[in-house]
PDB file of N, CA and C in Angstrom:
ATOM      1  N   MET A   1      13.675  12.950  -0.031  1.00  0.00           N
ATOM      2  CA  MET A   1      13.089  11.740   0.879  1.00  0.00           C
ATOM      3  C   MET A   1      12.550  10.587   0.105  1.00  0.00           C
ATOM      4  N   CYS A   2      13.500   9.579   0.481  1.00  0.00           N
ATOM      5  CA  CYS A   2      13.104   8.357  -0.193  1.00  0.00           C
ATOM      6  C   CYS A   2      11.778   7.759  -0.079  1.00  0.00           C
ATOM      7  N   VAL A   3      11.000   7.963   1.122  1.00  0.00           N
ATOM      8  CA  VAL A   3      10.021   7.438   1.340  1.00  0.00           C
ATOM      9  C   VAL A   3       8.823   8.040   0.321  1.00  0.00           C
ATOM     10  N   LEU A   4       9.230   9.200  -0.311  1.00  0.00           N
ATOM     11  CA  LEU A   4       8.177   9.647  -1.342  1.00  0.00           C
ATOM     12  C   LEU A   4       8.135   8.927  -2.605  1.00  0.00           C
ATOM     13  N   GLU A   5       9.398   8.129  -2.695  1.00  0.00           N
ATOM     14  CA  GLU A   5       9.426   7.162  -3.895  1.00  0.00           C
ATOM     15  C   GLU A   5       8.591   5.902  -3.422  1.00  0.00           C
ATOM     16  N   LYS A   6       8.644   5.592  -2.030  1.00  0.00           N
ATOM     17  CA  LYS A   6       7.642   4.230  -1.946  1.00  0.00           C
ATOM     18  C   LYS A   6       6.133   4.623  -2.072  1.00  0.00           C
ATOM     19  N   ILE A   7       5.794   5.897  -1.573  1.00  0.00           N
ATOM     20  CA  ILE A   7       4.403   6.450  -1.965  1.00  0.00           C
ATOM     21  C   ILE A   7       4.202   6.326  -3.381  1.00  0.00           C
ATOM     22  N   ASP A   8       5.034   7.068  -4.258  1.00  0.00           N
ATOM     23  CA  ASP A   8       4.573   6.933  -5.649  1.00  0.00           C
ATOM     24  C   ASP A   8       4.503   5.733  -5.949  1.00  0.00           C
ATOM     25  N   LYS A   9       5.236   4.640  -5.554  1.00  0.00           N
ATOM     26  CA  LYS A   9       4.976   3.418  -6.116  1.00  0.00           C
ATOM     27  C   LYS A   9       3.735   2.572  -5.605  1.00  0.00           C
ATOM     28  N   LEU A  10       3.222   3.022  -4.375  1.00  0.00           N
ATOM     29  CA  LEU A  10       2.072   2.610  -4.035  1.00  0.00           C
ATOM     30  C   LEU A  10       0.751   3.190  -4.816  1.00  0.00           C
ATOM     31  N   LYS A  11       0.854   4.539  -5.160  1.00  0.00           N
ATOM     32  CA  LYS A  11      -0.029   5.050  -5.991  1.00  0.00           C
ATOM     33  C   LYS A  11      -0.394   4.552  -7.239  1.00  0.00           C
ATOM     34  N   THR A  12       0.660   3.656  -7.711  1.00  0.00           N
ATOM     35  CA  THR A  12       0.512   3.050  -9.055  1.00  0.00           C
ATOM     36  C   THR A  12      -0.081   1.807  -8.794  1.00  0.00           C
ATOM     37  N   GLU A  13      -0.124   1.224  -7.518  1.00  0.00           N
ATOM     38  CA  GLU A  13      -0.803  -0.154  -7.428  1.00  0.00           C
ATOM     39  C   GLU A  13      -2.139  -0.024  -7.390  1.00  0.00           C
ATOM     40  N   ASP A  14      -2.840  -1.095  -7.506  1.00  0.00           N
ATOM     41  CA  ASP A  14      -4.475  -1.269  -7.142  1.00  0.00           C
ATOM     42  C   ASP A  14      -4.808  -0.797  -5.922  1.00  0.00           C
ATOM     43  N   VAL A  15      -6.051  -0.075  -5.884  1.00  0.00           N
ATOM     44  CA  VAL A  15      -6.496   0.152  -4.374  1.00  0.00           C
ATOM     45  C   VAL A  15      -6.809  -1.129  -3.878  1.00  0.00           C
ATOM     46  N   THR A  16      -6.372  -0.724  -2.415  1.00  0.00           N
ATOM     47  CA  THR A  16      -6.395  -2.084  -1.422  1.00  0.00           C
ATOM     48  C   THR A  16      -7.438  -1.840  -0.332  1.00  0.00           C
ATOM     49  N   ASN A  17      -7.969  -2.722   0.226  1.00  0.00           N
ATOM     50  CA  ASN A  17      -8.936  -2.535   1.333  1.00  0.00           C
ATOM     51  C   ASN A  17      -8.560  -3.354   2.647  1.00  0.00           C
ATOM     52  N   PRO A  18      -7.713  -2.698   3.490  1.00  0.00           N
ATOM     53  CA  PRO A  18      -7.727  -1.314   3.851  1.00  0.00           C
ATOM     54  C   PRO A  18      -6.952  -0.658   2.945  1.00  0.00           C
ATOM     55  N   PRO A  19      -7.030   0.914   2.960  1.00  0.00           N
ATOM     56  CA  PRO A  19      -6.456   1.515   1.781  1.00  0.00           C
ATOM     57  C   PRO A  19      -4.795   1.543   2.667  1.00  0.00           C
ATOM     58  N   ALA A  20      -3.999   1.676   1.367  1.00  0.00           N
ATOM     59  CA  ALA A  20      -2.446   1.577   1.691  1.00  0.00           C
ATOM     60  C   ALA A  20      -2.226   2.916   2.524  1.00  0.00           C
ATOM     61  N   SER A  21      -1.078   2.942   3.304  1.00  0.00           N
ATOM     62  CA  SER A  21      -0.663   3.976   4.051  1.00  0.00           C
ATOM     63  C   SER A  21       0.663   3.753   4.606  1.00  0.00           C
ATOM     64  N   VAL A  22       1.225   4.952   4.843  1.00  0.00           N
ATOM     65  CA  VAL A  22       2.713   5.024   5.327  1.00  0.00           C
ATOM     66  C   VAL A  22       2.757   5.890   6.586  1.00  0.00           C
ATOM     67  N   TRP A  23       3.476   5.211   7.597  1.00  0.00           N
ATOM     68  CA  TRP A  23       3.454   5.912   8.893  1.00  0.00           C
ATOM     69  C   TRP A  23       4.994   6.103   9.427  1.00  0.00           C
ATOM     70  N   GLN A  24       5.277   7.272  10.108  1.00  0.00           N
ATOM     71  CA  GLN A  24       6.626   7.347  10.506  1.00  0.00           C
ATOM     72  C   GLN A  24       6.537   7.163  12.173  1.00  0.00           C
ATOM     73  N   TYR A  25       7.631   6.571  12.510  1.00  0.00           N
ATOM     74  CA  TYR A  25       7.828   6.357  13.990  1.00  0.00           C
ATOM     75  C   TYR A  25       9.354   6.669  14.467  1.00  0.00           C
ATOM     76  N   GLU A  26       9.198   6.544  15.495  1.00  0.00           N
ATOM     77  CA  GLU A  26      10.859   6.423  16.046  1.00  0.00           C
ATOM     78  C   GLU A  26      10.894   5.060  16.794  1.00  0.00           C
ATOM     79  N   TYR A  27      11.879   4.288  16.526  1.00  0.00           N
ATOM     80  CA  TYR A  27      12.149   2.868  16.684  1.00  0.00           C
ATOM     81  C   TYR A  27      13.575   2.550  17.202  1.00  0.00           C
ATOM     82  N   ASN A  28      13.975   2.355  18.147  1.00  0.00           N
ATOM     83  CA  ASN A  28      15.353   2.019  18.538  1.00  0.00           C
ATOM     84  C   ASN A  28      16.290   3.163  18.118  1.00  0.00           C
ATOM     85  N   GLY A  29      15.687   4.433  18.444  1.00  0.00           N
ATOM     86  CA  GLY A  29      16.585   5.720  18.331  1.00  0.00           C
ATOM     87  C   GLY A  29      16.719   6.191  16.947  1.00  0.00           C
ATOM     88  N   GLN A  30      15.893   5.491  16.032  1.00  0.00           N
ATOM     89  CA  GLN A  30      15.972   5.992  14.493  1.00  0.00           C
ATOM     90  C   GLN A  30      14.686   6.484  14.132  1.00  0.00           C
ATOM     91  N   THR A  31      14.584   7.057  12.961  1.00  0.00           N
ATOM     92  CA  THR A  31      13.253   7.400  12.441  1.00  0.00           C
ATOM     93  C   THR A  31      13.010   6.234  11.458  1.00  0.00           C
ATOM     94  N   VAL A  32      11.834   5.668  11.379  1.00  0.00           N
ATOM     95  CA  VAL A  32      11.447   4.523  10.563  1.00  0.00           C
ATOM     96  C   VAL A  32      10.209   4.968   9.840  1.00  0.00           C
ATOM     97  N   TYR A  33       9.977   4.004   8.866  1.00  0.00           N
ATOM     98  CA  TYR A  33       8.721   4.146   8.042  1.00  0.00           C
ATOM     99  C   TYR A  33       8.083   2.908   7.970  1.00  0.00           C
ATOM    100  N   PHE A  34       6.794   2.844   8.304  1.00  0.00           N
ATOM    101  CA  PHE A  34       6.008   1.459   8.229  1.00  0.00           C
ATOM    102  C   PHE A  34       4.926   1.386   7.373  1.00  0.00           C
ATOM    103  N   ILE A  35       5.038   0.445   6.479  1.00  0.00           N
ATOM    104  CA  ILE A  35       4.074   0.457   5.428  1.00  0.00           C
ATOM    105  C   ILE A  35       3.130  -0.940   5.989  1.00  0.00           C
ATOM    106  N   PRO A  36       1.699  -0.778   6.523  1.00  0.00           N
ATOM    107  CA  PRO A  36       1.064  -2.028   6.999  1.00  0.00           C
ATOM    108  C   PRO A  36       0.865  -2.762   5.930  1.00  0.00           C
ATOM    109  N   GLN A  37       0.479  -4.126   6.129  1.00  0.00           N
ATOM    110  CA  GLN A  37       0.232  -5.266   5.196  1.00  0.00           C
ATOM    111  C   GLN A  37      -0.973  -4.732   4.710  1.00  0.00           C
ATOM    112  N   LYS A  38      -1.023  -5.158   3.275  1.00  0.00           N
ATOM    113  CA  LYS A  38      -2.179  -5.173   2.447  1.00  0.00           C
ATOM    114  C   LYS A  38      -3.436  -6.099   2.709  1.00  0.00           C
ATOM    115  N   CYS A  39      -3.011  -7.261   2.964  1.00  0.00           N
ATOM    116  CA  CYS A  39      -3.755  -8.358   2.945  1.00  0.00           C
ATOM    117  C   CYS A  39      -3.510  -9.677   3.584  1.00  0.00           C
ATOM    118  N   CYS A  40      -4.009 -10.441   4.351  1.00  0.00           N
ATOM    119  CA  CYS A  40      -3.707 -11.702   4.409  1.00  0.00           C
ATOM    120  C   CYS A  40      -2.495 -12.302   4.814  1.00  0.00           C
ATOM    121  N   ASP A  41      -1.734 -13.114   3.904  1.00  0.00           N
ATOM    122  CA  ASP A  41      -0.483 -13.461   4.322  1.00  0.00           C
ATOM    123  C   ASP A  41       0.508 -12.690   3.809  1.00  0.00           C
ATOM    124  N   LEU A  42       0.429 -11.248   3.388  1.00  0.00           N
ATOM    125  CA  LEU A  42       1.482 -10.406   2.960  1.00  0.00           C
ATOM    126  C   LEU A  42       2.003  -9.691   4.097  1.00  0.00           C
ATOM    127  N   PRO A  43       3.333  -9.614   4.066  1.00  0.00           N
ATOM    128  CA  PRO A  43       4.017  -9.009   5.386  1.00  0.00           C
ATOM    129  C   PRO A  43       3.887  -7.461   5.520  1.00  0.00           C
ATOM    130  N   SER A  44       4.083  -6.797   6.561  1.00  0.00           N
ATOM    131  CA  SER A  44       4.055  -5.301   6.521  1.00  0.00           C
ATOM    132  C   SER A  44       5.695  -5.166   6.346  1.00  0.00           C
ATOM    133  N   LEU A  45       5.972  -3.580   6.067  1.00  0.00           N
ATOM    134  CA  LEU A  45       7.394  -3.381   5.796  1.00  0.00           C
ATOM    135  C   LEU A  45       7.809  -2.473   6.560  1.00  0.00           C
ATOM    136  N   LEU A  46       9.059  -2.536   7.259  1.00  0.00           N
ATOM    137  CA  LEU A  46       9.388  -1.507   8.076  1.00  0.00           C
ATOM    138  C   LEU A  46      11.028  -0.910   7.356  1.00  0.00           C
ATOM    139  N   TYR A  47      10.999   0.233   7.293  1.00  0.00           N
ATOM    140  CA  TYR A  47      12.058   0.852   6.435  1.00  0.00           C
ATOM    141  C   TYR A  47      12.803   1.836   7.568  1.00  0.00           C
ATOM    142  N   ASP A  48      14.194   1.960   7.359  1.00  0.00           N
ATOM    143  CA  ASP A  48      14.937   2.944   8.014  1.00  0.00           C
ATOM    144  C   ASP A  48      14.924   4.203   7.373  1.00  0.00           C
ATOM    145  N   LYS A  49      15.659   5.350   7.702  1.00  0.00           N
ATOM    146  CA  LYS A  49      15.186   6.440   7.164  1.00  0.00           C
ATOM    147  C   LYS A  49      15.880   6.668   5.701  1.00  0.00           C
ATOM    148  N   ASP A  50      16.766   5.671   5.250  1.00  0.00           N
ATOM    149  CA  ASP A  50      17.068   5.646   3.990  1.00  0.00           C
ATOM    150  C   ASP A  50      16.539   4.658   3.101  1.00  0.00           C
ATOM    151  N   CYS A  51      15.301   4.042   3.634  1.00  0.00           N
ATOM    152  CA  CYS A  51      14.397   3.155   2.837  1.00  0.00           C
ATOM    153  C   CYS A  51      15.130   1.891   2.638  1.00  0.00           C
ATOM    154  N   ASN A  52      16.075   1.481   3.610  1.00  0.00           N
ATOM    155  CA  ASN A  52      16.574   0.137   3.730  1.00  0.00           C
ATOM    156  C   ASN A  52      15.506  -0.487   4.393  1.00  0.00           C
ATOM    157  N   LEU A  53      15.233  -1.823   3.914  1.00  0.00           N
ATOM    158  CA  LEU A  53      14.230  -2.718   4.735  1.00  0.00           C
ATOM    159  C   LEU A  53      14.869  -3.098   5.962  1.00  0.00           C
ATOM    160  N   ILE A  54      14.327  -2.900   7.010  1.00  0.00           N
ATOM    161  CA  ILE A  54      14.739  -3.548   8.368  1.00  0.00           C
ATOM    162  C   ILE A  54      14.165  -4.824   8.531  1.00  0.00           C
ATOM    163  N   CYS A  55      12.800  -5.033   8.696  1.00  0.00           N
ATOM    164  CA  CYS A  55      11.974  -6.199   8.861  1.00  0.00           C
ATOM    165  C   CYS A  55      10.572  -6.052   8.382  1.00  0.00           C
ATOM    166  N   SER A  56       9.927  -7.134   8.772  1.00  0.00           N
ATOM    167  CA  SER A  56       8.604  -7.165   8.626  1.00  0.00           C
ATOM    168  C   SER A  56       7.914  -7.658   9.822  1.00  0.00           C
ATOM    169  N   PRO A  57       7.324  -6.505  10.514  1.00  0.00           N
ATOM    170  CA  PRO A  57       6.859  -6.688  12.066  1.00  0.00           C
ATOM    171  C   PRO A  57       5.553  -7.578  12.363  1.00  0.00           C
ATOM    172  N   ASP A  58       4.737  -7.545  11.096  1.00  0.00           N
ATOM    173  CA  ASP A  58       3.616  -8.541  11.191  1.00  0.00           C
ATOM    174  C   ASP A  58       3.283  -8.916   9.916  1.00  0.00           C
ATOM    175  N   GLY A  59       2.235  -9.762   9.886  1.00  0.00           N
ATOM    176  CA  GLY A  59       1.760 -10.293   8.285  1.00  0.00           C
ATOM    177  C   GLY A  59       2.451 -11.428   8.043  1.00  0.00           C
ATOM    178  N   GLY A  60       2.648 -11.964   6.766  1.00  0.00           N
ATOM    179  CA  GLY A  60       3.260 -13.138   6.508  1.00  0.00           C
ATOM    180  C   GLY A  60       2.236 -14.356   6.897  1.00  0.00           C
ATOM    181  N   PHE A  61       2.901 -15.643   6.703  1.00  0.00           N
ATOM    182  CA  PHE A  61       2.006 -16.816   6.908  1.00  0.00           C
ATOM    183  C   PHE A  61       1.531 -16.968   8.305  1.00  0.00           C
ATOM    184  N   THR A  62       2.354 -16.505   9.177  1.00  0.00           N
ATOM    185  CA  THR A  62       2.130 -16.625  10.779  1.00  0.00           C
ATOM    186  C   THR A  62       1.325 -15.438  11.091  1.00  0.00           C
ATOM    187  N   GLY A  63       1.504 -14.284  10.525  1.00  0.00           N
ATOM    188  CA  GLY A  63       0.726 -13.138  11.114  1.00  0.00           C
ATOM    189  C   GLY A  63       1.571 -12.316  12.207  1.00  0.00           C
ATOM    190  N   LYS A  64       2.735 -12.819  12.121  1.00  0.00           N
ATOM    191  CA  LYS A  64       3.956 -12.236  13.196  1.00  0.00           C
ATOM    192  C   LYS A  64       4.946 -11.692  12.564  1.00  0.00           C
ATOM    193  N   GLY A  65       4.985 -11.624  11.213  1.00  0.00           N
ATOM    194  CA  GLY A  65       6.014 -10.866  10.515  1.00  0.00           C
ATOM    195  C   GLY A  65       7.224 -12.157  10.491  1.00  0.00           C
ATOM    196  N   TYR A  66       8.354 -11.738  10.269  1.00  0.00           N
ATOM    197  CA  TYR A  66       9.443 -12.721  10.252  1.00  0.00           C
ATOM    198  C   TYR A  66      10.715 -12.741  11.393  1.00  0.00           C
ATOM    199  N   GLY A  67       9.945 -12.245  12.462  1.00  0.00           N
ATOM    200  CA  GLY A  67      10.742 -12.429  13.865  1.00  0.00           C
ATOM    201  C   GLY A  67      11.939 -11.504  13.924  1.00  0.00           C
ATOM    202  N   LYS A  68      12.234 -10.501  13.124  1.00  0.00           N
ATOM    203  CA  LYS A  68      13.505  -9.686  13.215  1.00  0.00           C
ATOM    204  C   LYS A  68      13.099  -8.451  14.081  1.00  0.00           C
ATOM    205  N   CYS A  69      11.934  -8.164  14.276  1.00  0.00           N
ATOM    206  CA  CYS A  69      11.613  -6.919  15.071  1.00  0.00           C
ATOM    207  C   CYS A  69      10.287  -7.054  15.675  1.00  0.00           C
ATOM    208  N   LYS A  70      10.105  -8.109  16.596  1.00  0.00           N
ATOM    209  CA  LYS A  70       9.213  -8.593  17.621  1.00  0.00           C
ATOM    210  C   LYS A  70       8.638  -7.403  18.317  1.00  0.00           C
ATOM    211  N   ASP A  71       9.703  -6.612  18.797  1.00  0.00           N
ATOM    212  CA  ASP A  71       9.228  -5.641  19.686  1.00  0.00           C
ATOM    213  C   ASP A  71       8.670  -4.320  19.155  1.00  0.00           C
ATOM    214  N   PHE A  72       8.672  -4.063  17.700  1.00  0.00           N
ATOM    215  CA  PHE A  72       8.398  -2.904  17.153  1.00  0.00           C
ATOM    216  C   PHE A  72       7.001  -2.286  17.554  1.00  0.00           C
ATOM    217  N   PHE A  73       6.154  -3.002  17.722  1.00  0.00           N
ATOM    218  CA  PHE A  73       4.735  -2.314  18.187  1.00  0.00           C
ATOM    219  C   PHE A  73       4.659  -1.885  19.752  1.00  0.00           C
ATOM    220  N   GLU A  74       5.482  -2.735  20.423  1.00  0.00           N
ATOM    221  CA  GLU A  74       5.688  -1.912  21.929  1.00  0.00           C
ATOM    222  C   GLU A  74       6.489  -0.774  22.091  1.00  0.00           C
ATOM    223  N   LYS A  75       7.547  -0.994  21.117  1.00  0.00           N
ATOM    224  CA  LYS A  75       8.651   0.234  21.362  1.00  0.00           C
ATOM    225  C   LYS A  75       8.652   1.469  20.423  1.00  0.00           C
ATOM    226  N   ARG A  76       7.762   1.192  19.353  1.00  0.00           N
ATOM    227  CA  ARG A  76       7.663   2.471  18.575  1.00  0.00           C
ATOM    228  C   ARG A  76       6.874   3.644  19.281  1.00  0.00           C
ATOM    229  N   THR A  77       7.379   4.926  18.697  1.00  0.00           N
ATOM    230  CA  THR A  77       6.824   6.213  19.544  1.00  0.00           C
ATOM    231  C   THR A  77       6.632   7.161  18.339  1.00  0.00           C
ATOM    232  N   LYS A  78       6.185   8.223  18.650  1.00  0.00           N
ATOM    233  CA  LYS A  78       6.028   9.467  17.839  1.00  0.00           C
ATOM    234  C   LYS A  78       5.291   9.154  16.503  1.00  0.00           C
ATOM    235  N   GLU A  79       4.184   8.419  16.554  1.00  0.00           N
ATOM    236  CA  GLU A  79       3.443   7.959  15.468  1.00  0.00           C
ATOM    237  C   GLU A  79       2.910   9.325  14.568  1.00  0.00           C
ATOM    238  N   LYS A  80       3.146   9.258  13.403  1.00  0.00           N
ATOM    239  CA  LYS A  80       2.754  10.149  12.453  1.00  0.00           C
ATOM    240  C   LYS A  80       2.324   9.645  11.081  1.00  0.00           C
ATOM    241  N   LEU A  81       1.099   9.951  10.835  1.00  0.00           N
ATOM    242  CA  LEU A  81       0.724   9.345   9.359  1.00  0.00           C
ATOM    243  C   LEU A  81       1.386  10.200   8.227  1.00  0.00           C
ATOM    244  N   ILE A  82       2.050   9.567   7.298  1.00  0.00           N
ATOM    245  CA  ILE A  82       2.795  10.420   6.295  1.00  0.00           C
ATOM    246  C   ILE A  82       1.967  10.333   5.163  1.00  0.00           C
ATOM    247  N   TRP A  83       0.928   9.408   4.889  1.00  0.00           N
ATOM    248  CA  TRP A  83       0.289   9.253   3.540  1.00  0.00           C
ATOM    249  C   TRP A  83      -0.804   8.091   3.694  1.00  0.00           C
ATOM    250  N   LYS A  84      -1.974   8.335   3.195  1.00  0.00           N
ATOM    251  CA  LYS A  84      -2.899   7.237   3.074  1.00  0.00           C
ATOM    252  C   LYS A  84      -3.634   7.498   1.718  1.00  0.00           C
ATOM    253  N   ASP A  85      -3.891   6.381   1.175  1.00  0.00           N
ATOM    254  CA  ASP A  85      -4.477   6.261  -0.078  1.00  0.00           C
ATOM    255  C   ASP A  85      -6.008   6.703   0.131  1.00  0.00           C
ATOM    256  N   ASP A  86      -6.262   7.677  -0.676  1.00  0.00           N
ATOM    257  CA  ASP A  86      -7.753   8.279  -0.528  1.00  0.00           C
ATOM    258  C   ASP A  86      -8.312   7.909  -1.736  1.00  0.00           C
ATOM    259  N   ARG A  87      -7.760   7.009  -2.636  1.00  0.00           N
ATOM    260  CA  ARG A  87      -8.663   6.748  -3.954  1.00  0.00           C
ATOM    261  C   ARG A  87      -9.738   5.606  -3.625  1.00  0.00           C
ATOM    262  N   LYS A  88     -10.945   5.563  -4.273  1.00  0.00           N
ATOM    263  CA  LYS A  88     -11.902   4.675  -3.985  1.00  0.00           C
ATOM    264  C   LYS A  88     -11.918   3.564  -5.137  1.00  0.00           C
TER     265      LYS A  88
END
């Protein structure tokens, strides 16, 4: 599962506040993985099941992502926390 590689990479980065996390959802008929923004002007990341970047639903300079999946937060279903950084 390619999302495990994303998690392994997050584990090598500095601890963030809020803690880094990876969520699984159903969106537009497919399984997707959402990595929330870490801070401020950084975008969140939404990947398909093969870890291809779909879009950035929020974050960035406007706080609204880059406009390619404006309906993600309204249409996502089947929320499942895959991983959350528990380091201090």
